[in-house]
Amino acid sequence: LVQAIETGNPAFFRDRLRGLPEFLERSFSFLEGMPEVFL
């Protein structure tokens, strides 16, 4: 998100922000056997 903000182009930030929920949902599905401290 910071990378997109730093461009100074609000459209880039909106594009990046729009994909954030899917990115987090998909990414967290790849987690396996997390040590308690990381969890």
Full PDB file with SEQRES, HELIX, SHEET, SSBOND, CRYST1, ORIGX, SCALE, CONECT and MASTER records, all heavy atoms in Angstrom:
SEQRES   1 A   39  LEU VAL GLN ALA ILE GLU THR GLY ASN PRO ALA PHE PHE          
SEQRES   2 A   39  ARG ASP ARG LEU ARG GLY LEU PRO GLU PHE LEU GLU ARG          
SEQRES   3 A   39  SER PHE SER PHE LEU GLU GLY MET PRO GLU VAL PHE LEU          
HELIX    1 AA1 VAL A    2  GLU A    6  1                                   5    
HELIX    2 AA2 PRO A   10  PHE A   28  1                                  19    
CRYST1    1.000    1.000    1.000  90.00  90.00  90.00 P 1           1          
ORIGX1      1.000000  0.000000  0.000000        0.00000                         
ORIGX2      0.000000  1.000000  0.000000        0.00000                         
ORIGX3      0.000000  0.000000  1.000000        0.00000                         
SCALE1      1.000000  0.000000  0.000000        0.00000                         
SCALE2      0.000000  1.000000  0.000000        0.00000                         
SCALE3      0.000000  0.000000  1.000000        0.00000                         
ATOM      1  N   LEU A   1       0.826  -1.207   0.000  1.00  0.00           N  
ATOM      2  CA  LEU A   1       0.000   0.000   0.000  1.00  0.00           C  
ATOM      3  C   LEU A   1       0.858   1.254   0.000  1.00  0.00           C  
ATOM      4  O   LEU A   1       0.575   2.216  -0.722  1.00  0.00           O  
ATOM      5  CB  LEU A   1      -0.963  -0.013   1.190  1.00  0.00           C  
ATOM      6  CG  LEU A   1      -2.050  -1.084   1.142  1.00  0.00           C  
ATOM      7  CD1 LEU A   1      -2.851  -1.107   2.442  1.00  0.00           C  
ATOM      8  CD2 LEU A   1      -2.962  -0.895  -0.065  1.00  0.00           C  
ATOM      9  N   VAL A   2       1.931   1.251   0.780  1.00  0.00           N  
ATOM     10  CA  VAL A   2       2.834   2.405   0.812  1.00  0.00           C  
ATOM     11  C   VAL A   2       3.474   2.622  -0.553  1.00  0.00           C  
ATOM     12  O   VAL A   2       3.596   3.764  -1.017  1.00  0.00           O  
ATOM     13  CB  VAL A   2       3.908   2.237   1.917  1.00  0.00           C  
ATOM     14  CG1 VAL A   2       5.018   3.259   1.763  1.00  0.00           C  
ATOM     15  CG2 VAL A   2       3.264   2.343   3.295  1.00  0.00           C  
ATOM     16  N   GLN A   3       3.868   1.541  -1.223  1.00  0.00           N  
ATOM     17  CA  GLN A   3       4.457   1.670  -2.555  1.00  0.00           C  
ATOM     18  C   GLN A   3       3.498   2.397  -3.496  1.00  0.00           C  
ATOM     19  O   GLN A   3       3.914   3.279  -4.259  1.00  0.00           O  
ATOM     20  CB  GLN A   3       4.792   0.300  -3.136  1.00  0.00           C  
ATOM     21  CG  GLN A   3       5.943  -0.396  -2.467  1.00  0.00           C  
ATOM     22  CD  GLN A   3       6.078  -1.853  -2.896  1.00  0.00           C  
ATOM     23  OE1 GLN A   3       5.187  -2.430  -3.521  1.00  0.00           O  
ATOM     24  NE2 GLN A   3       7.203  -2.456  -2.534  1.00  0.00           N  
ATOM     25  N   ALA A   4       2.232   2.030  -3.446  1.00  0.00           N  
ATOM     26  CA  ALA A   4       1.234   2.657  -4.321  1.00  0.00           C  
ATOM     27  C   ALA A   4       1.009   4.118  -3.942  1.00  0.00           C  
ATOM     28  O   ALA A   4       0.891   4.981  -4.819  1.00  0.00           O  
ATOM     29  CB  ALA A   4      -0.072   1.871  -4.278  1.00  0.00           C  
ATOM     30  N   ILE A   5       0.962   4.402  -2.652  1.00  0.00           N  
ATOM     31  CA  ILE A   5       0.781   5.788  -2.192  1.00  0.00           C  
ATOM     32  C   ILE A   5       1.946   6.656  -2.649  1.00  0.00           C  
ATOM     33  O   ILE A   5       1.756   7.791  -3.095  1.00  0.00           O  
ATOM     34  CB  ILE A   5       0.637   5.843  -0.656  1.00  0.00           C  
ATOM     35  CG1 ILE A   5      -0.705   5.259  -0.228  1.00  0.00           C  
ATOM     36  CG2 ILE A   5       0.791   7.270  -0.133  1.00  0.00           C  
ATOM     37  CD1 ILE A   5      -0.841   5.040   1.277  1.00  0.00           C  
ATOM     38  N   GLU A   6       3.158   6.116  -2.561  1.00  0.00           N  
ATOM     39  CA  GLU A   6       4.358   6.894  -2.898  1.00  0.00           C  
ATOM     40  C   GLU A   6       4.421   7.297  -4.367  1.00  0.00           C  
ATOM     41  O   GLU A   6       5.164   8.205  -4.723  1.00  0.00           O  
ATOM     42  CB  GLU A   6       5.616   6.130  -2.506  1.00  0.00           C  
ATOM     43  CG  GLU A   6       5.837   6.105  -1.014  1.00  0.00           C  
ATOM     44  CD  GLU A   6       7.061   5.299  -0.599  1.00  0.00           C  
ATOM     45  OE1 GLU A   6       7.518   4.423  -1.375  1.00  0.00           O  
ATOM     46  OE2 GLU A   6       7.559   5.556   0.508  1.00  0.00           O  
ATOM     47  N   THR A   7       3.646   6.650  -5.215  1.00  0.00           N  
ATOM     48  CA  THR A   7       3.634   7.051  -6.626  1.00  0.00           C  
ATOM     49  C   THR A   7       2.967   8.409  -6.804  1.00  0.00           C  
ATOM     50  O   THR A   7       3.198   9.079  -7.806  1.00  0.00           O  
ATOM     51  CB  THR A   7       2.882   6.033  -7.504  1.00  0.00           C  
ATOM     52  OG1 THR A   7       1.491   6.057  -7.179  1.00  0.00           O  
ATOM     53  CG2 THR A   7       3.466   4.642  -7.370  1.00  0.00           C  
ATOM     54  N   GLY A   8       2.125   8.790  -5.838  1.00  0.00           N  
ATOM     55  CA  GLY A   8       1.397  10.041  -5.952  1.00  0.00           C  
ATOM     56  C   GLY A   8       0.174   9.941  -6.847  1.00  0.00           C  
ATOM     57  O   GLY A   8      -0.523  10.932  -7.071  1.00  0.00           O  
ATOM     58  N   ASN A   9      -0.104   8.755  -7.357  1.00  0.00           N  
ATOM     59  CA  ASN A   9      -1.255   8.553  -8.234  1.00  0.00           C  
ATOM     60  C   ASN A   9      -2.349   7.827  -7.453  1.00  0.00           C  
ATOM     61  O   ASN A   9      -2.212   6.641  -7.157  1.00  0.00           O  
ATOM     62  CB  ASN A   9      -0.838   7.741  -9.457  1.00  0.00           C  
ATOM     63  CG  ASN A   9      -1.941   7.619 -10.480  1.00  0.00           C  
ATOM     64  OD1 ASN A   9      -3.122   7.627 -10.148  1.00  0.00           O  
ATOM     65  ND2 ASN A   9      -1.546   7.500 -11.740  1.00  0.00           N  
ATOM     66  N   PRO A  10      -3.445   8.520  -7.125  1.00  0.00           N  
ATOM     67  CA  PRO A  10      -4.520   7.879  -6.353  1.00  0.00           C  
ATOM     68  C   PRO A  10      -5.097   6.633  -7.027  1.00  0.00           C  
ATOM     69  O   PRO A  10      -5.545   5.713  -6.344  1.00  0.00           O  
ATOM     70  CB  PRO A  10      -5.586   8.974  -6.229  1.00  0.00           C  
ATOM     71  CG  PRO A  10      -4.874  10.255  -6.480  1.00  0.00           C  
ATOM     72  CD  PRO A  10      -3.734   9.930  -7.408  1.00  0.00           C  
ATOM     73  N   ALA A  11      -5.079   6.582  -8.353  1.00  0.00           N  
ATOM     74  CA  ALA A  11      -5.615   5.408  -9.059  1.00  0.00           C  
ATOM     75  C   ALA A  11      -4.781   4.172  -8.749  1.00  0.00           C  
ATOM     76  O   ALA A  11      -5.325   3.068  -8.612  1.00  0.00           O  
ATOM     77  CB  ALA A  11      -5.654   5.659 -10.566  1.00  0.00           C  
ATOM     78  N   PHE A  12      -3.461   4.322  -8.627  1.00  0.00           N  
ATOM     79  CA  PHE A  12      -2.601   3.186  -8.302  1.00  0.00           C  
ATOM     80  C   PHE A  12      -2.918   2.670  -6.904  1.00  0.00           C  
ATOM     81  O   PHE A  12      -2.967   1.469  -6.671  1.00  0.00           O  
ATOM     82  CB  PHE A  12      -1.124   3.558  -8.393  1.00  0.00           C  
ATOM     83  CG  PHE A  12      -0.649   3.869  -9.788  1.00  0.00           C  
ATOM     84  CD1 PHE A  12       0.537   4.537  -9.984  1.00  0.00           C  
ATOM     85  CD2 PHE A  12      -1.377   3.493 -10.905  1.00  0.00           C  
ATOM     86  CE1 PHE A  12       0.997   4.824 -11.260  1.00  0.00           C  
ATOM     87  CE2 PHE A  12      -0.936   3.772 -12.187  1.00  0.00           C  
ATOM     88  CZ  PHE A  12       0.259   4.445 -12.365  1.00  0.00           C  
ATOM     89  N   PHE A  13      -3.133   3.606  -5.961  1.00  0.00           N  
ATOM     90  CA  PHE A  13      -3.480   3.198  -4.603  1.00  0.00           C  
ATOM     91  C   PHE A  13      -4.818   2.473  -4.590  1.00  0.00           C  
ATOM     92  O   PHE A  13      -4.966   1.431  -3.948  1.00  0.00           O  
ATOM     93  CB  PHE A  13      -3.516   4.409  -3.665  1.00  0.00           C  
ATOM     94  CG  PHE A  13      -3.945   4.053  -2.270  1.00  0.00           C  
ATOM     95  CD1 PHE A  13      -3.121   3.306  -1.438  1.00  0.00           C  
ATOM     96  CD2 PHE A  13      -5.189   4.436  -1.796  1.00  0.00           C  
ATOM     97  CE1 PHE A  13      -3.521   2.961  -0.155  1.00  0.00           C  
ATOM     98  CE2 PHE A  13      -5.596   4.096  -0.516  1.00  0.00           C  
ATOM     99  CZ  PHE A  13      -4.760   3.361   0.301  1.00  0.00           C  
ATOM    100  N   ARG A  14      -5.799   2.991  -5.324  1.00  0.00           N  
ATOM    101  CA  ARG A  14      -7.112   2.329  -5.382  1.00  0.00           C  
ATOM    102  C   ARG A  14      -6.991   0.932  -5.988  1.00  0.00           C  
ATOM    103  O   ARG A  14      -7.609  -0.018  -5.503  1.00  0.00           O  
ATOM    104  CB  ARG A  14      -8.116   3.184  -6.166  1.00  0.00           C  
ATOM    105  CG  ARG A  14      -8.653   4.360  -5.379  1.00  0.00           C  
ATOM    106  CD  ARG A  14      -9.830   5.015  -6.080  1.00  0.00           C  
ATOM    107  NE  ARG A  14      -9.490   5.582  -7.379  1.00  0.00           N  
ATOM    108  CZ  ARG A  14      -8.964   6.794  -7.563  1.00  0.00           C  
ATOM    109  NH1 ARG A  14      -8.733   7.573  -6.525  1.00  0.00           N  
ATOM    110  NH2 ARG A  14      -8.688   7.217  -8.784  1.00  0.00           N  
ATOM    111  N   ASP A  15      -6.193   0.799  -7.045  1.00  0.00           N  
ATOM    112  CA  ASP A  15      -5.992  -0.519  -7.659  1.00  0.00           C  
ATOM    113  C   ASP A  15      -5.384  -1.492  -6.658  1.00  0.00           C  
ATOM    114  O   ASP A  15      -5.825  -2.641  -6.543  1.00  0.00           O  
ATOM    115  CB  ASP A  15      -5.065  -0.420  -8.879  1.00  0.00           C  
ATOM    116  CG  ASP A  15      -5.743   0.198 -10.082  1.00  0.00           C  
ATOM    117  OD1 ASP A  15      -6.981   0.328 -10.073  1.00  0.00           O  
ATOM    118  OD2 ASP A  15      -5.014   0.549 -11.033  1.00  0.00           O  
ATOM    119  N   ARG A  16      -4.376  -1.045  -5.944  1.00  0.00           N  
ATOM    120  CA  ARG A  16      -3.701  -1.920  -4.981  1.00  0.00           C  
ATOM    121  C   ARG A  16      -4.645  -2.246  -3.838  1.00  0.00           C  
ATOM    122  O   ARG A  16      -4.730  -3.387  -3.396  1.00  0.00           O  
ATOM    123  CB  ARG A  16      -2.428  -1.212  -4.501  1.00  0.00           C  
ATOM    124  CG  ARG A  16      -1.447  -1.926  -3.651  1.00  0.00           C  
ATOM    125  CD  ARG A  16      -0.830  -3.214  -4.100  1.00  0.00           C  
ATOM    126  NE  ARG A  16      -0.014  -3.345  -5.244  1.00  0.00           N  
ATOM    127  CZ  ARG A  16       1.295  -3.152  -5.314  1.00  0.00           C  
ATOM    128  NH1 ARG A  16       1.967  -2.741  -4.281  1.00  0.00           N  
ATOM    129  NH2 ARG A  16       1.944  -3.370  -6.429  1.00  0.00           N  
ATOM    130  N   LEU A  17      -5.361  -1.253  -3.348  1.00  0.00           N  
ATOM    131  CA  LEU A  17      -6.285  -1.447  -2.224  1.00  0.00           C  
ATOM    132  C   LEU A  17      -7.408  -2.413  -2.581  1.00  0.00           C  
ATOM    133  O   LEU A  17      -7.799  -3.251  -1.769  1.00  0.00           O  
ATOM    134  CB  LEU A  17      -6.854  -0.098  -1.779  1.00  0.00           C  
ATOM    135  CG  LEU A  17      -7.679  -0.076  -0.502  1.00  0.00           C  
ATOM    136  CD1 LEU A  17      -6.858  -0.591   0.674  1.00  0.00           C  
ATOM    137  CD2 LEU A  17      -8.180   1.329  -0.226  1.00  0.00           C  
ATOM    138  N   ARG A  18      -7.915  -2.329  -3.804  1.00  0.00           N  
ATOM    139  CA  ARG A  18      -8.998  -3.216  -4.245  1.00  0.00           C  
ATOM    140  C   ARG A  18      -8.603  -4.694  -4.151  1.00  0.00           C  
ATOM    141  O   ARG A  18      -9.426  -5.541  -3.848  1.00  0.00           O  
ATOM    142  CB  ARG A  18      -9.403  -2.895  -5.683  1.00  0.00           C  
ATOM    143  CG  ARG A  18     -10.751  -2.262  -5.811  1.00  0.00           C  
ATOM    144  CD  ARG A  18     -11.237  -2.169  -7.240  1.00  0.00           C  
ATOM    145  NE  ARG A  18     -10.409  -1.398  -8.141  1.00  0.00           N  
ATOM    146  CZ  ARG A  18     -10.409  -0.074  -8.237  1.00  0.00           C  
ATOM    147  NH1 ARG A  18     -11.196   0.633  -7.475  1.00  0.00           N  
ATOM    148  NH2 ARG A  18      -9.632   0.547  -9.098  1.00  0.00           N  
ATOM    149  N   GLY A  19      -7.350  -4.988  -4.425  1.00  0.00           N  
ATOM    150  CA  GLY A  19      -6.904  -6.377  -4.399  1.00  0.00           C  
ATOM    151  C   GLY A  19      -6.471  -6.878  -3.034  1.00  0.00           C  
ATOM    152  O   GLY A  19      -6.181  -8.063  -2.862  1.00  0.00           O  
ATOM    153  N   LEU A  20      -6.418  -5.979  -2.045  1.00  0.00           N  
ATOM    154  CA  LEU A  20      -5.908  -6.360  -0.721  1.00  0.00           C  
ATOM    155  C   LEU A  20      -6.721  -7.461  -0.035  1.00  0.00           C  
ATOM    156  O   LEU A  20      -6.129  -8.434   0.449  1.00  0.00           O  
ATOM    157  CB  LEU A  20      -5.792  -5.135   0.183  1.00  0.00           C  
ATOM    158  CG  LEU A  20      -5.247  -5.392   1.583  1.00  0.00           C  
ATOM    159  CD1 LEU A  20      -3.832  -5.967   1.513  1.00  0.00           C  
ATOM    160  CD2 LEU A  20      -5.266  -4.100   2.401  1.00  0.00           C  
ATOM    161  N   PRO A  21      -8.043  -7.379   0.045  1.00  0.00           N  
ATOM    162  CA  PRO A  21      -8.776  -8.452   0.736  1.00  0.00           C  
ATOM    163  C   PRO A  21      -8.521  -9.836   0.131  1.00  0.00           C  
ATOM    164  O   PRO A  21      -8.283 -10.801   0.861  1.00  0.00           O  
ATOM    165  CB  PRO A  21     -10.244  -8.045   0.585  1.00  0.00           C  
ATOM    166  CG  PRO A  21     -10.204  -6.563   0.409  1.00  0.00           C  
ATOM    167  CD  PRO A  21      -8.939  -6.293  -0.377  1.00  0.00           C  
ATOM    168  N   GLU A  22      -8.536  -9.921  -1.194  1.00  0.00           N  
ATOM    169  CA  GLU A  22      -8.280 -11.212  -1.840  1.00  0.00           C  
ATOM    170  C   GLU A  22      -6.852 -11.682  -1.576  1.00  0.00           C  
ATOM    171  O   GLU A  22      -6.617 -12.866  -1.311  1.00  0.00           O  
ATOM    172  CB  GLU A  22      -8.514 -11.122  -3.346  1.00  0.00           C  
ATOM    173  CG  GLU A  22      -8.269 -12.435  -4.054  1.00  0.00           C  
ATOM    174  CD  GLU A  22      -8.345 -12.324  -5.566  1.00  0.00           C  
ATOM    175  OE1 GLU A  22      -8.814 -11.302  -6.091  1.00  0.00           O  
ATOM    176  OE2 GLU A  22      -7.927 -13.287  -6.227  1.00  0.00           O  
ATOM    177  N   PHE A  23      -5.890 -10.754  -1.634  1.00  0.00           N  
ATOM    178  CA  PHE A  23      -4.500 -11.103  -1.350  1.00  0.00           C  
ATOM    179  C   PHE A  23      -4.360 -11.699   0.049  1.00  0.00           C  
ATOM    180  O   PHE A  23      -3.745 -12.748   0.237  1.00  0.00           O  
ATOM    181  CB  PHE A  23      -3.592  -9.867  -1.490  1.00  0.00           C  
ATOM    182  CG  PHE A  23      -2.225 -10.044  -0.891  1.00  0.00           C  
ATOM    183  CD1 PHE A  23      -1.276 -10.836  -1.522  1.00  0.00           C  
ATOM    184  CD2 PHE A  23      -1.886  -9.424   0.306  1.00  0.00           C  
ATOM    185  CE1 PHE A  23      -0.006 -10.996  -0.965  1.00  0.00           C  
ATOM    186  CE2 PHE A  23      -0.634  -9.582   0.863  1.00  0.00           C  
ATOM    187  CZ  PHE A  23       0.307 -10.378   0.224  1.00  0.00           C  
ATOM    188  N   LEU A  24      -4.937 -11.037   1.052  1.00  0.00           N  
ATOM    189  CA  LEU A  24      -4.816 -11.526   2.427  1.00  0.00           C  
ATOM    190  C   LEU A  24      -5.535 -12.860   2.613  1.00  0.00           C  
ATOM    191  O   LEU A  24      -4.989 -13.777   3.224  1.00  0.00           O  
ATOM    192  CB  LEU A  24      -5.348 -10.483   3.412  1.00  0.00           C  
ATOM    193  CG  LEU A  24      -4.492  -9.229   3.557  1.00  0.00           C  
ATOM    194  CD1 LEU A  24      -5.196  -8.199   4.437  1.00  0.00           C  
ATOM    195  CD2 LEU A  24      -3.112  -9.561   4.093  1.00  0.00           C  
ATOM    196  N   GLU A  25      -6.726 -12.959   2.080  1.00  0.00           N  
ATOM    197  CA  GLU A  25      -7.468 -14.212   2.222  1.00  0.00           C  
ATOM    198  C   GLU A  25      -6.719 -15.375   1.570  1.00  0.00           C  
ATOM    199  O   GLU A  25      -6.560 -16.445   2.148  1.00  0.00           O  
ATOM    200  CB  GLU A  25      -8.858 -14.065   1.595  1.00  0.00           C  
ATOM    201  CG  GLU A  25      -9.742 -15.263   1.830  1.00  0.00           C  
ATOM    202  CD  GLU A  25     -11.145 -15.027   1.295  1.00  0.00           C  
ATOM    203  OE1 GLU A  25     -11.701 -13.936   1.503  1.00  0.00           O  
ATOM    204  OE2 GLU A  25     -11.679 -15.955   0.665  1.00  0.00           O  
ATOM    205  N   ARG A  26      -6.261 -15.148   0.361  1.00  0.00           N  
ATOM    206  CA  ARG A  26      -5.535 -16.191  -0.378  1.00  0.00           C  
ATOM    207  C   ARG A  26      -4.218 -16.529   0.337  1.00  0.00           C  
ATOM    208  O   ARG A  26      -3.890 -17.689   0.535  1.00  0.00           O  
ATOM    209  CB  ARG A  26      -5.264 -15.683  -1.802  1.00  0.00           C  
ATOM    210  CG  ARG A  26      -4.715 -16.678  -2.747  1.00  0.00           C  
ATOM    211  CD  ARG A  26      -4.670 -16.158  -4.181  1.00  0.00           C  
ATOM    212  NE  ARG A  26      -4.436 -14.740  -4.328  1.00  0.00           N  
ATOM    213  CZ  ARG A  26      -3.241 -14.198  -4.541  1.00  0.00           C  
ATOM    214  NH1 ARG A  26      -2.186 -14.953  -4.638  1.00  0.00           N  
ATOM    215  NH2 ARG A  26      -3.105 -12.890  -4.654  1.00  0.00           N  
ATOM    216  N   SER A  27      -3.501 -15.489   0.740  1.00  0.00           N  
ATOM    217  CA  SER A  27      -2.197 -15.700   1.371  1.00  0.00           C  
ATOM    218  C   SER A  27      -2.313 -16.448   2.690  1.00  0.00           C  
ATOM    219  O   SER A  27      -1.524 -17.348   2.967  1.00  0.00           O  
ATOM    220  CB  SER A  27      -1.501 -14.356   1.596  1.00  0.00           C  
ATOM    221  OG  SER A  27      -1.250 -13.728   0.359  1.00  0.00           O  
ATOM    222  N   PHE A  28      -3.290 -16.073   3.505  1.00  0.00           N  
ATOM    223  CA  PHE A  28      -3.423 -16.742   4.793  1.00  0.00           C  
ATOM    224  C   PHE A  28      -3.818 -18.201   4.621  1.00  0.00           C  
ATOM    225  O   PHE A  28      -3.574 -19.019   5.498  1.00  0.00           O  
ATOM    226  CB  PHE A  28      -4.395 -15.997   5.703  1.00  0.00           C  
ATOM    227  CG  PHE A  28      -3.856 -14.678   6.213  1.00  0.00           C  
ATOM    228  CD1 PHE A  28      -4.705 -13.690   6.644  1.00  0.00           C  
ATOM    229  CD2 PHE A  28      -2.494 -14.421   6.247  1.00  0.00           C  
ATOM    230  CE1 PHE A  28      -4.219 -12.484   7.117  1.00  0.00           C  
ATOM    231  CE2 PHE A  28      -1.991 -13.217   6.707  1.00  0.00           C  
ATOM    232  CZ  PHE A  28      -2.855 -12.247   7.145  1.00  0.00           C  
ATOM    233  N   SER A  29      -4.407 -18.540   3.486  1.00  0.00           N  
ATOM    234  CA  SER A  29      -4.748 -19.942   3.243  1.00  0.00           C  
ATOM    235  C   SER A  29      -3.499 -20.790   2.992  1.00  0.00           C  
ATOM    236  O   SER A  29      -3.556 -22.016   3.070  1.00  0.00           O  
ATOM    237  CB  SER A  29      -5.712 -20.075   2.064  1.00  0.00           C  
ATOM    238  OG  SER A  29      -5.054 -19.859   0.831  1.00  0.00           O  
ATOM    239  N   PHE A  30      -2.361 -20.163   2.684  1.00  0.00           N  
ATOM    240  CA  PHE A  30      -1.119 -20.893   2.436  1.00  0.00           C  
ATOM    241  C   PHE A  30      -0.365 -21.201   3.725  1.00  0.00           C  
ATOM    242  O   PHE A  30       0.608 -21.955   3.703  1.00  0.00           O  
ATOM    243  CB  PHE A  30      -0.187 -20.112   1.504  1.00  0.00           C  
ATOM    244  CG  PHE A  30      -0.822 -19.697   0.208  1.00  0.00           C  
ATOM    245  CD1 PHE A  30      -0.542 -18.468  -0.353  1.00  0.00           C  
ATOM    246  CD2 PHE A  30      -1.717 -20.525  -0.458  1.00  0.00           C  
ATOM    247  CE1 PHE A  30      -1.121 -18.074  -1.543  1.00  0.00           C  
ATOM    248  CE2 PHE A  30      -2.310 -20.140  -1.649  1.00  0.00           C  
ATOM    249  CZ  PHE A  30      -2.011 -18.908  -2.191  1.00  0.00           C  
ATOM    250  N   LEU A  31      -0.790 -20.604   4.832  1.00  0.00           N  
ATOM    251  CA  LEU A  31      -0.092 -20.824   6.101  1.00  0.00           C  
ATOM    252  C   LEU A  31      -0.377 -22.228   6.615  1.00  0.00           C  
ATOM    253  O   LEU A  31      -1.498 -22.713   6.551  1.00  0.00           O  
ATOM    254  CB  LEU A  31      -0.532 -19.787   7.137  1.00  0.00           C  
ATOM    255  CG  LEU A  31      -0.159 -18.346   6.801  1.00  0.00           C  
ATOM    256  CD1 LEU A  31      -0.825 -17.393   7.781  1.00  0.00           C  
ATOM    257  CD2 LEU A  31       1.346 -18.151   6.795  1.00  0.00           C  
ATOM    258  N   GLU A  32       0.674 -22.854   7.128  1.00  0.00           N  
ATOM    259  CA  GLU A  32       0.536 -24.224   7.640  1.00  0.00           C  
ATOM    260  C   GLU A  32       1.501 -24.426   8.802  1.00  0.00           C  
ATOM    261  O   GLU A  32       2.630 -23.954   8.769  1.00  0.00           O  
ATOM    262  CB  GLU A  32       0.845 -25.228   6.528  1.00  0.00           C  
ATOM    263  CG  GLU A  32       2.223 -25.014   5.920  1.00  0.00           C  
ATOM    264  CD  GLU A  32       2.489 -25.845   4.689  1.00  0.00           C  
ATOM    265  OE1 GLU A  32       1.652 -25.850   3.787  1.00  0.00           O  
ATOM    266  OE2 GLU A  32       3.558 -26.474   4.654  1.00  0.00           O  
ATOM    267  N   GLY A  33       1.047 -25.095   9.814  1.00  0.00           N  
ATOM    268  CA  GLY A  33       1.924 -25.448  10.933  1.00  0.00           C  
ATOM    269  C   GLY A  33       2.672 -24.276  11.540  1.00  0.00           C  
ATOM    270  O   GLY A  33       3.858 -24.380  11.814  1.00  0.00           O  
ATOM    271  N   MET A  34       1.966 -23.163  11.741  1.00  0.00           N  
ATOM    272  CA  MET A  34       2.634 -21.983  12.285  1.00  0.00           C  
ATOM    273  C   MET A  34       3.088 -22.210  13.717  1.00  0.00           C  
ATOM    274  O   MET A  34       2.300 -22.681  14.542  1.00  0.00           O  
ATOM    275  CB  MET A  34       1.676 -20.794  12.295  1.00  0.00           C  
ATOM    276  CG  MET A  34       1.451 -20.148  10.984  1.00  0.00           C  
ATOM    277  SD  MET A  34       0.266 -18.808  11.175  1.00  0.00           S  
ATOM    278  CE  MET A  34      -1.240 -19.737  11.387  1.00  0.00           C  
ATOM    279  N   PRO A  35       4.324 -21.852  14.024  1.00  0.00           N  
ATOM    280  CA  PRO A  35       4.742 -21.860  15.430  1.00  0.00           C  
ATOM    281  C   PRO A  35       3.877 -20.862  16.215  1.00  0.00           C  
ATOM    282  O   PRO A  35       3.463 -19.833  15.680  1.00  0.00           O  
ATOM    283  CB  PRO A  35       6.201 -21.395  15.364  1.00  0.00           C  
ATOM    284  CG  PRO A  35       6.642 -21.704  13.965  1.00  0.00           C  
ATOM    285  CD  PRO A  35       5.415 -21.530  13.116  1.00  0.00           C  
ATOM    286  N   GLU A  36       3.598 -21.176  17.452  1.00  0.00           N  
ATOM    287  CA  GLU A  36       2.718 -20.364  18.285  1.00  0.00           C  
ATOM    288  C   GLU A  36       3.162 -18.903  18.335  1.00  0.00           C  
ATOM    289  O   GLU A  36       2.332 -17.989  18.281  1.00  0.00           O  
ATOM    290  CB  GLU A  36       2.654 -20.949  19.708  1.00  0.00           C  
ATOM    291  CG  GLU A  36       1.717 -20.222  20.639  1.00  0.00           C  
ATOM    292  CD  GLU A  36       0.245 -20.355  20.264  1.00  0.00           C  
ATOM    293  OE1 GLU A  36      -0.111 -21.360  19.622  1.00  0.00           O  
ATOM    294  OE2 GLU A  36      -0.531 -19.456  20.604  1.00  0.00           O  
ATOM    295  N   VAL A  37       4.452 -18.660  18.423  1.00  0.00           N  
ATOM    296  CA  VAL A  37       4.943 -17.287  18.516  1.00  0.00           C  
ATOM    297  C   VAL A  37       4.571 -16.496  17.268  1.00  0.00           C  
ATOM    298  O   VAL A  37       4.192 -15.325  17.354  1.00  0.00           O  
ATOM    299  CB  VAL A  37       6.465 -17.235  18.797  1.00  0.00           C  
ATOM    300  CG1 VAL A  37       7.277 -17.757  17.605  1.00  0.00           C  
ATOM    301  CG2 VAL A  37       6.898 -15.834  19.154  1.00  0.00           C  
ATOM    302  N   PHE A  38       4.624 -17.090  16.088  1.00  0.00           N  
ATOM    303  CA  PHE A  38       4.254 -16.379  14.863  1.00  0.00           C  
ATOM    304  C   PHE A  38       2.756 -16.180  14.791  1.00  0.00           C  
ATOM    305  O   PHE A  38       2.281 -15.157  14.309  1.00  0.00           O  
ATOM    306  CB  PHE A  38       4.756 -17.139  13.620  1.00  0.00           C  
ATOM    307  CG  PHE A  38       6.250 -17.183  13.490  1.00  0.00           C  
ATOM    308  CD1 PHE A  38       6.872 -18.318  12.987  1.00  0.00           C  
ATOM    309  CD2 PHE A  38       7.048 -16.105  13.854  1.00  0.00           C  
ATOM    310  CE1 PHE A  38       8.235 -18.376  12.858  1.00  0.00           C  
ATOM    311  CE2 PHE A  38       8.419 -16.157  13.729  1.00  0.00           C  
ATOM    312  CZ  PHE A  38       9.014 -17.280  13.232  1.00  0.00           C  
ATOM    313  N   LEU A  39       2.010 -17.147  15.252  1.00  0.00           N  
ATOM    314  CA  LEU A  39       0.552 -17.039  15.252  1.00  0.00           C  
ATOM    315  C   LEU A  39       0.109 -15.879  16.147  1.00  0.00           C  
ATOM    316  O   LEU A  39      -0.700 -15.050  15.745  1.00  0.00           O  
ATOM    317  CB  LEU A  39      -0.083 -18.345  15.728  1.00  0.00           C  
ATOM    318  CG  LEU A  39      -1.599 -18.387  15.753  1.00  0.00           C  
ATOM    319  CD1 LEU A  39      -2.168 -18.118  14.368  1.00  0.00           C  
ATOM    320  CD2 LEU A  39      -2.084 -19.719  16.283  1.00  0.00           C  
TER     321      LEU A  39                                                      
MASTER        0    0    0    2    0    0    0    6  320    1    0    3          
END                                                                             
